[in-house]
């Protein structure tokens, strides 16, 4: 399996996520820098001020929320307003480098 692909064992079969893209280290470094800049923006401060986790809907102090990339940088996602959401640490740790669509697909019979 190539770099950047995600393989997940699901019961008796393994599935490759075909839409995963390998990401060059310099591109990932650029996105990490863009995320730092976005985190310092007033837009992001307004997002976390609401105190709501995008995934579980729980309410948290702004300092307890993290920036989550809906499409992870490791999977080709960008650090922009259209791809980041406030997320509690528990949800962010559970999500890892997965996309929400993968959880939906895994829940199907």
Foldseek 3Di string as FASTA:
>chain_A
DDQQWDWDDAVPDIDIDVQFDADDPVQLVVQVVLLVVVCPDPVVVVQLPQQAAPPPRDGHHSVQWDWDFLQDVRRVTHNDPVGIHTHGPVVCVVCPNHHPVVVVVSPDD
